[in-house]
Structures are given as C-alpha cells and as structure tokens.
Amino acid sequence: MADKTLTRADIVERLHEVTNLPRQECQMILEDVLETVCAELERDQDVKLAKFGNFVVRKKNQRIGRNPKTGEEASISARRVVTFKPSPVLRNRIETAHQGGGRA
C-alpha cells in the first residue's frame, strides 16, 4: 500500500469488512469520530488515542520569516497549529514493518 493513499472511503470499506455493518453506518461512525476529534482540537483540547498517538494544538507566536524565492523578510502572523506525536507502540510497529518483520 506504499504507493496508495488511504482515504476515508478505504477506511469505511475496511470497517464494513471487519464489522459487517452497512457501509452507510460505517461512514457515519467514521464521520462522528473525526468530528469529535476536530471539535476538541478547535477547543484547544489535546486528543490522546492510546497505542496510536496524540494530537496537540500548539500556539505559535508572530515572527519574521523570509520568502525563500526572493529572500525578502515577511511577517508571519501568530497562529495555532496541530501537531501529531505517535505513541511508542505506533513507532515500534512502523519501524518493525520497515524492517520487514511486521504487518505493512
């Protein structure tokens, strides 16, 4: 699957295969989960998914940056960004899969 991006439709299909629930219900479940995560992040709440990782909202201060093409200085406004930190379990799975010893 290295050359294909996993999409919502792929996740819905996988949920359908594993649970035997109707695809429409699987889609609603996925949308509800994603909406819950987004709503919490909008409220500046971190989201921790055990054995997967943490989504954290960080506040970045205003700063001066440079246009890489022209080198001209430009002001970058303060903003909030979402970062993701994978759990040690996920990191280990990815490393093991990369070494050919696990599921890919």
C-alpha atoms as a PDB file:
ATOM      1  CA  MET A   1       0.000   0.000   0.000  1.00  0.00           C
ATOM      2  CA  ALA A   2       3.066   2.252  -0.107  1.00  0.00           C
ATOM      3  CA  ASP A   3       2.064   3.806  -3.422  1.00  0.00           C
ATOM      4  CA  LYS A   4      -1.592   4.472  -2.496  1.00  0.00           C
ATOM      5  CA  THR A   5      -3.001   6.952  -0.021  1.00  0.00           C
ATOM      6  CA  LEU A   6      -5.556   5.605   2.448  1.00  0.00           C
ATOM      7  CA  THR A   7      -8.820   7.533   2.026  1.00  0.00           C
ATOM      8  CA  ARG A   8     -11.999   7.849   4.045  1.00  0.00           C
ATOM      9  CA  ALA A   9     -13.668   5.501   1.573  1.00  0.00           C
ATOM     10  CA  ASP A  10     -10.929   2.918   2.211  1.00  0.00           C
ATOM     11  CA  ILE A  11     -11.449   3.194   5.968  1.00  0.00           C
ATOM     12  CA  VAL A  12     -15.223   2.864   5.576  1.00  0.00           C
ATOM     13  CA  GLU A  13     -14.728  -0.225   3.415  1.00  0.00           C
ATOM     14  CA  ARG A  14     -12.363  -1.757   5.987  1.00  0.00           C
ATOM     15  CA  LEU A  15     -14.855  -1.042   8.802  1.00  0.00           C
ATOM     16  CA  HIS A  16     -17.592  -2.655   6.725  1.00  0.00           C
ATOM     17  CA  GLU A  17     -15.466  -5.777   6.132  1.00  0.00           C
ATOM     18  CA  VAL A  18     -14.494  -6.136   9.797  1.00  0.00           C
ATOM     19  CA  THR A  19     -17.851  -5.324  11.421  1.00  0.00           C
ATOM     20  CA  ASN A  20     -20.348  -6.396   8.726  1.00  0.00           C
ATOM     21  CA  LEU A  21     -22.239  -3.175   9.466  1.00  0.00           C
ATOM     22  CA  PRO A  22     -23.789  -1.384   6.482  1.00  0.00           C
ATOM     23  CA  ARG A  23     -21.351   0.930   4.647  1.00  0.00           C
ATOM     24  CA  GLN A  24     -23.552   3.952   5.374  1.00  0.00           C
ATOM     25  CA  GLU A  25     -23.411   3.222   9.111  1.00  0.00           C
ATOM     26  CA  CYS A  26     -19.623   2.745   8.944  1.00  0.00           C
ATOM     27  CA  GLN A  27     -19.341   6.090   7.180  1.00  0.00           C
ATOM     28  CA  MET A  28     -21.449   7.777   9.876  1.00  0.00           C
ATOM     29  CA  ILE A  29     -19.256   6.253  12.611  1.00  0.00           C
ATOM     30  CA  LEU A  30     -16.072   7.453  10.935  1.00  0.00           C
ATOM     31  CA  GLU A  31     -17.505  10.951  10.419  1.00  0.00           C
ATOM     32  CA  ASP A  32     -18.607  11.107  14.070  1.00  0.00           C
ATOM     33  CA  VAL A  33     -15.146  10.105  15.300  1.00  0.00           C
ATOM     34  CA  LEU A  34     -13.410  12.632  13.049  1.00  0.00           C
ATOM     35  CA  GLU A  35     -15.866  15.389  14.001  1.00  0.00           C
ATOM     36  CA  THR A  36     -15.291  14.677  17.696  1.00  0.00           C
ATOM     37  CA  VAL A  37     -11.511  14.933  17.243  1.00  0.00           C
ATOM     38  CA  CYS A  38     -11.820  18.168  15.247  1.00  0.00           C
ATOM     39  CA  ALA A  39     -14.228  19.748  17.761  1.00  0.00           C
ATOM     40  CA  GLU A  40     -11.877  19.028  20.664  1.00  0.00           C
ATOM     41  CA  LEU A  41      -8.878  20.434  18.778  1.00  0.00           C
ATOM     42  CA  GLU A  42     -10.872  23.581  17.945  1.00  0.00           C
ATOM     43  CA  ARG A  43     -11.439  23.986  21.704  1.00  0.00           C
ATOM     44  CA  ASP A  44      -7.641  23.753  22.263  1.00  0.00           C
ATOM     45  CA  GLN A  45      -8.042  20.309  23.832  1.00  0.00           C
ATOM     46  CA  ASP A  46      -5.408  17.676  23.132  1.00  0.00           C
ATOM     47  CA  VAL A  47      -6.633  14.345  21.787  1.00  0.00           C
ATOM     48  CA  LYS A  48      -4.923  11.181  23.001  1.00  0.00           C
ATOM     49  CA  LEU A  49      -5.610   7.882  21.279  1.00  0.00           C
ATOM     50  CA  ALA A  50      -3.974   5.086  23.253  1.00  0.00           C
ATOM     51  CA  LYS A  51      -1.487   2.993  21.271  1.00  0.00           C
ATOM     52  CA  PHE A  52      -1.810   5.457  18.356  1.00  0.00           C
ATOM     53  CA  GLY A  53      -0.663   8.915  19.392  1.00  0.00           C
ATOM     54  CA  ASN A  54      -1.504  12.433  20.491  1.00  0.00           C
ATOM     55  CA  PHE A  55      -2.893  15.360  18.526  1.00  0.00           C
ATOM     56  CA  VAL A  56      -1.799  18.584  20.216  1.00  0.00           C
ATOM     57  CA  VAL A  57      -2.770  22.189  19.452  1.00  0.00           C
ATOM     58  CA  ARG A  58       0.261  24.482  19.673  1.00  0.00           C
ATOM     59  CA  LYS A  59       0.223  28.248  19.678  1.00  0.00           C
ATOM     60  CA  LYS A  60       2.916  29.837  17.532  1.00  0.00           C
ATOM     61  CA  ASN A  61       3.920  33.447  18.111  1.00  0.00           C
ATOM     62  CA  GLN A  62       4.217  36.043  15.398  1.00  0.00           C
ATOM     63  CA  ARG A  63       7.672  36.054  13.831  1.00  0.00           C
ATOM     64  CA  ILE A  64       9.692  37.349  10.924  1.00  0.00           C
ATOM     65  CA  GLY A  65      10.322  34.871   8.120  1.00  0.00           C
ATOM     66  CA  ARG A  66      11.846  35.028   4.672  1.00  0.00           C
ATOM     67  CA  ASN A  67      10.414  34.432   1.244  1.00  0.00           C
ATOM     68  CA  PRO A  68      12.573  31.527   0.005  1.00  0.00           C
ATOM     69  CA  LYS A  69      12.442  32.762  -3.613  1.00  0.00           C
ATOM     70  CA  THR A  70      13.347  36.395  -3.028  1.00  0.00           C
ATOM     71  CA  GLY A  71      14.927  36.369   0.431  1.00  0.00           C
ATOM     72  CA  GLU A  72      12.621  39.250   1.359  1.00  0.00           C
ATOM     73  CA  GLU A  73      11.573  39.423   5.014  1.00  0.00           C
ATOM     74  CA  ALA A  74       7.894  38.966   5.777  1.00  0.00           C
ATOM     75  CA  SER A  75       5.840  38.939   8.960  1.00  0.00           C
ATOM     76  CA  ILE A  76       4.274  35.577   9.800  1.00  0.00           C
ATOM     77  CA  SER A  77       1.206  36.078  11.984  1.00  0.00           C
ATOM     78  CA  ALA A  78       0.522  34.247  15.230  1.00  0.00           C
ATOM     79  CA  ARG A  79      -1.462  31.097  14.704  1.00  0.00           C
ATOM     80  CA  ARG A  80      -2.497  27.755  16.135  1.00  0.00           C
ATOM     81  CA  VAL A  81      -1.248  24.544  14.573  1.00  0.00           C
ATOM     82  CA  VAL A  82      -1.997  20.877  15.155  1.00  0.00           C
ATOM     83  CA  THR A  83       0.899  18.510  15.695  1.00  0.00           C
ATOM     84  CA  PHE A  84       0.833  14.739  15.920  1.00  0.00           C
ATOM     85  CA  LYS A  85       3.141  12.718  18.114  1.00  0.00           C
ATOM     86  CA  PRO A  86       2.944   8.976  17.507  1.00  0.00           C
ATOM     87  CA  SER A  87       2.872   6.652  20.504  1.00  0.00           C
ATOM     88  CA  PRO A  88       5.817   4.355  21.180  1.00  0.00           C
ATOM     89  CA  VAL A  89       3.584   1.429  20.145  1.00  0.00           C
ATOM     90  CA  LEU A  90       2.897   3.002  16.728  1.00  0.00           C
ATOM     91  CA  ARG A  91       6.546   3.991  16.270  1.00  0.00           C
ATOM     92  CA  ASN A  92       7.610   0.433  17.016  1.00  0.00           C
ATOM     93  CA  ARG A  93       5.056  -1.029  14.577  1.00  0.00           C
ATOM     94  CA  ILE A  94       6.231   1.267  11.801  1.00  0.00           C
ATOM     95  CA  GLU A  95       9.889   0.538  12.464  1.00  0.00           C
ATOM     96  CA  THR A  96       9.246  -3.209  12.606  1.00  0.00           C
ATOM     97  CA  ALA A  97       7.218  -3.097   9.381  1.00  0.00           C
ATOM     98  CA  HIS A  98      10.022  -1.116   7.720  1.00  0.00           C
ATOM     99  CA  GLN A  99      12.478  -3.840   8.675  1.00  0.00           C
ATOM    100  CA  GLY A 100      10.206  -6.455   7.124  1.00  0.00           C
ATOM    101  CA  GLY A 101       9.275  -8.060  10.437  1.00  0.00           C
ATOM    102  CA  GLY A 102       5.685  -6.928  10.804  1.00  0.00           C
ATOM    103  CA  ARG A 103       2.436  -6.082   9.133  1.00  0.00           C
ATOM    104  CA  ALA A 104       2.647  -3.443   6.432  1.00  0.00           C
END
